[in-house]
Amino acid sequence: MYLAAILDLYSRKVVGWSLDERMTASLVCNALDAAARKRRPAAGLVFHTDRGSQYASHAFRRRLWRTTCVRA
């Protein structure tokens, strides 16, 4: 099993996580979605990763842009 966790460095809390049998882009996208639902980040959010292939994927970068830049 693989765990993708997103931490809020200010509060030091896990704000989103996802488990899967494979390390894929959808694993990290699901963790990002969970964090966004919980915290509703403001535009301009800084998101730091280790730049693994999952985080560099088009799917994740597109999801991160939509989460941090687009506000309805």
N, C-alpha and C. Protein backbone atom coordinates (compact mmCIF):
# COMPACT_ATOMS: atom_id res chain seq x y z
N MET A 1 0.83 -1.18 0.00
CA MET A 1 0.00 0.00 0.00
C MET A 1 0.88 1.25 0.00
N TYR A 2 0.40 2.25 -0.68
CA TYR A 2 1.07 3.54 -0.74
C TYR A 2 0.17 4.60 -0.12
N LEU A 3 0.79 5.51 0.60
CA LEU A 3 0.08 6.60 1.25
C LEU A 3 0.62 7.91 0.70
N ALA A 4 -0.28 8.77 0.27
CA ALA A 4 0.06 10.15 -0.10
C ALA A 4 -0.61 11.03 0.94
N ALA A 5 0.18 11.85 1.62
CA ALA A 5 -0.35 12.73 2.66
C ALA A 5 0.05 14.16 2.34
N ILE A 6 -0.86 15.08 2.60
CA ILE A 6 -0.59 16.51 2.42
C ILE A 6 -0.63 17.15 3.80
N LEU A 7 0.46 17.82 4.13
CA LEU A 7 0.60 18.46 5.43
C LEU A 7 0.47 19.96 5.30
N ASP A 8 -0.20 20.56 6.26
CA ASP A 8 -0.21 22.02 6.39
C ASP A 8 0.98 22.34 7.29
N LEU A 9 2.00 22.96 6.73
CA LEU A 9 3.21 23.20 7.50
C LEU A 9 3.02 24.20 8.63
N TYR A 10 2.03 25.06 8.53
CA TYR A 10 1.77 26.01 9.61
C TYR A 10 1.20 25.29 10.83
N SER A 11 0.16 24.51 10.63
CA SER A 11 -0.48 23.83 11.75
C SER A 11 0.14 22.46 12.05
N ARG A 12 0.97 21.97 11.13
CA ARG A 12 1.60 20.66 11.25
C ARG A 12 0.58 19.52 11.30
N LYS A 13 -0.52 19.71 10.61
CA LYS A 13 -1.57 18.69 10.57
C LYS A 13 -1.68 18.11 9.18
N VAL A 14 -2.06 16.83 9.11
CA VAL A 14 -2.38 16.20 7.84
C VAL A 14 -3.75 16.73 7.42
N VAL A 15 -3.81 17.36 6.26
CA VAL A 15 -5.07 17.95 5.80
C VAL A 15 -5.70 17.16 4.65
N GLY A 16 -4.96 16.21 4.10
CA GLY A 16 -5.50 15.36 3.04
C GLY A 16 -4.63 14.13 2.89
N TRP A 17 -5.27 13.01 2.61
CA TRP A 17 -4.50 11.78 2.41
C TRP A 17 -5.27 10.83 1.50
N SER A 18 -4.53 9.87 0.94
CA SER A 18 -5.12 8.86 0.08
C SER A 18 -4.27 7.60 0.15
N LEU A 19 -4.91 6.44 0.06
CA LEU A 19 -4.24 5.14 0.05
C LEU A 19 -4.55 4.43 -1.26
N ASP A 20 -3.56 3.71 -1.79
CA ASP A 20 -3.79 2.91 -2.99
C ASP A 20 -2.74 1.81 -3.06
N GLU A 21 -3.01 0.81 -3.86
CA GLU A 21 -2.07 -0.29 -4.03
C GLU A 21 -0.92 0.08 -4.96
N ARG A 22 -1.08 1.15 -5.73
CA ARG A 22 -0.04 1.59 -6.66
C ARG A 22 0.23 3.07 -6.47
N MET A 23 1.48 3.46 -6.72
CA MET A 23 1.86 4.87 -6.64
C MET A 23 1.60 5.50 -8.00
N THR A 24 0.45 6.15 -8.13
CA THR A 24 0.04 6.73 -9.40
C THR A 24 -0.30 8.20 -9.22
N ALA A 25 -0.50 8.87 -10.33
CA ALA A 25 -0.91 10.27 -10.27
C ALA A 25 -2.28 10.41 -9.61
N SER A 26 -3.16 9.43 -9.80
CA SER A 26 -4.49 9.53 -9.18
C SER A 26 -4.40 9.46 -7.66
N LEU A 27 -3.40 8.77 -7.13
CA LEU A 27 -3.21 8.71 -5.67
C LEU A 27 -2.96 10.11 -5.12
N VAL A 28 -2.04 10.86 -5.73
CA VAL A 28 -1.73 12.19 -5.22
C VAL A 28 -2.84 13.18 -5.54
N CYS A 29 -3.54 12.97 -6.66
CA CYS A 29 -4.69 13.83 -6.99
C CYS A 29 -5.80 13.67 -5.96
N ASN A 30 -6.05 12.44 -5.55
CA ASN A 30 -7.07 12.18 -4.53
C ASN A 30 -6.70 12.82 -3.19
N ALA A 31 -5.43 12.77 -2.83
CA ALA A 31 -4.98 13.41 -1.59
C ALA A 31 -5.16 14.93 -1.68
N LEU A 32 -4.84 15.50 -2.83
CA LEU A 32 -5.03 16.94 -3.03
C LEU A 32 -6.51 17.32 -2.94
N ASP A 33 -7.36 16.52 -3.56
CA ASP A 33 -8.80 16.78 -3.49
C ASP A 33 -9.30 16.76 -2.05
N ALA A 34 -8.84 15.79 -1.28
CA ALA A 34 -9.26 15.69 0.13
C ALA A 34 -8.80 16.92 0.92
N ALA A 35 -7.57 17.37 0.68
CA ALA A 35 -7.06 18.55 1.37
C ALA A 35 -7.84 19.80 0.97
N ALA A 36 -8.15 19.92 -0.31
CA ALA A 36 -8.88 21.10 -0.80
C ALA A 36 -10.29 21.15 -0.22
N ARG A 37 -10.95 19.99 -0.12
CA ARG A 37 -12.29 19.96 0.48
C ARG A 37 -12.25 20.37 1.95
N LYS A 38 -11.19 19.97 2.64
CA LYS A 38 -11.10 20.26 4.07
C LYS A 38 -10.70 21.71 4.35
N ARG A 39 -9.75 22.24 3.58
CA ARG A 39 -9.18 23.55 3.90
C ARG A 39 -9.61 24.69 2.99
N ARG A 40 -10.12 24.42 1.78
CA ARG A 40 -10.51 25.48 0.84
C ARG A 40 -9.41 26.54 0.71
N PRO A 41 -8.26 26.18 0.14
CA PRO A 41 -7.12 27.11 0.10
C PRO A 41 -7.40 28.37 -0.73
N ALA A 42 -6.79 29.44 -0.32
CA ALA A 42 -6.91 30.71 -1.05
C ALA A 42 -5.99 30.68 -2.26
N ALA A 43 -6.29 31.54 -3.21
CA ALA A 43 -5.43 31.67 -4.39
C ALA A 43 -4.04 32.08 -3.94
N GLY A 44 -3.03 31.56 -4.61
CA GLY A 44 -1.65 31.88 -4.24
C GLY A 44 -1.01 30.88 -3.30
N LEU A 45 -1.67 29.78 -3.05
CA LEU A 45 -1.14 28.74 -2.18
C LEU A 45 0.22 28.27 -2.68
N VAL A 46 1.16 28.04 -1.78
CA VAL A 46 2.46 27.47 -2.12
C VAL A 46 2.40 25.98 -1.80
N PHE A 47 2.68 25.14 -2.80
CA PHE A 47 2.62 23.70 -2.63
C PHE A 47 3.99 23.13 -2.95
N HIS A 48 4.63 22.46 -2.00
CA HIS A 48 5.97 21.92 -2.19
C HIS A 48 5.92 20.40 -2.23
N THR A 49 6.61 19.80 -3.21
CA THR A 49 6.69 18.34 -3.30
C THR A 49 8.14 17.94 -3.52
N ASP A 50 8.37 16.64 -3.52
CA ASP A 50 9.71 16.12 -3.82
C ASP A 50 9.94 16.00 -5.32
N ARG A 51 8.95 16.41 -6.13
CA ARG A 51 8.99 16.38 -7.59
C ARG A 51 9.07 14.97 -8.14
N GLY A 52 8.47 14.03 -7.45
CA GLY A 52 8.35 12.68 -7.99
C GLY A 52 7.49 12.71 -9.24
N SER A 53 7.53 11.65 -10.02
CA SER A 53 6.82 11.63 -11.30
C SER A 53 5.32 11.83 -11.13
N GLN A 54 4.75 11.38 -10.03
CA GLN A 54 3.32 11.55 -9.80
C GLN A 54 2.97 13.02 -9.64
N TYR A 55 3.81 13.76 -8.95
CA TYR A 55 3.57 15.18 -8.71
C TYR A 55 3.89 16.03 -9.93
N ALA A 56 4.71 15.51 -10.83
CA ALA A 56 5.07 16.22 -12.05
C ALA A 56 4.12 15.89 -13.21
N SER A 57 3.19 14.98 -12.98
CA SER A 57 2.28 14.55 -14.05
C SER A 57 1.35 15.69 -14.46
N HIS A 58 0.88 15.62 -15.70
CA HIS A 58 -0.08 16.61 -16.19
C HIS A 58 -1.34 16.62 -15.35
N ALA A 59 -1.81 15.43 -14.99
CA ALA A 59 -3.06 15.32 -14.21
C ALA A 59 -2.94 16.06 -12.89
N PHE A 60 -1.83 15.86 -12.17
CA PHE A 60 -1.68 16.51 -10.87
C PHE A 60 -1.46 18.01 -11.02
N ARG A 61 -0.62 18.42 -11.97
CA ARG A 61 -0.36 19.84 -12.15
C ARG A 61 -1.63 20.59 -12.53
N ARG A 62 -2.44 19.98 -13.40
CA ARG A 62 -3.72 20.59 -13.78
C ARG A 62 -4.65 20.70 -12.58
N ARG A 63 -4.74 19.65 -11.78
CA ARG A 63 -5.59 19.65 -10.59
C ARG A 63 -5.11 20.69 -9.57
N LEU A 64 -3.79 20.78 -9.39
CA LEU A 64 -3.24 21.76 -8.45
C LEU A 64 -3.54 23.18 -8.92
N TRP A 65 -3.40 23.45 -10.23
CA TRP A 65 -3.69 24.78 -10.75
C TRP A 65 -5.16 25.12 -10.51
N ARG A 66 -6.05 24.19 -10.81
CA ARG A 66 -7.48 24.45 -10.61
C ARG A 66 -7.80 24.68 -9.13
N THR A 67 -7.15 23.96 -8.26
CA THR A 67 -7.41 24.07 -6.83
C THR A 67 -6.92 25.40 -6.26
N THR A 68 -5.80 25.88 -6.75
CA THR A 68 -5.17 27.06 -6.15
C THR A 68 -5.40 28.36 -6.90
N CYS A 69 -5.87 28.30 -8.16
CA CYS A 69 -6.00 29.50 -8.95
C CYS A 69 -7.43 29.90 -9.28
N VAL A 70 -8.30 28.95 -9.41
CA VAL A 70 -9.67 29.22 -9.87
C VAL A 70 -10.60 29.31 -8.66
N ARG A 71 -11.29 30.41 -8.54
CA ARG A 71 -12.26 30.58 -7.45
C ARG A 71 -13.59 30.96 -8.04
N ALA A 72 -14.64 30.27 -7.62
CA ALA A 72 -15.98 30.57 -8.12
C ALA A 72 -16.68 31.56 -7.22
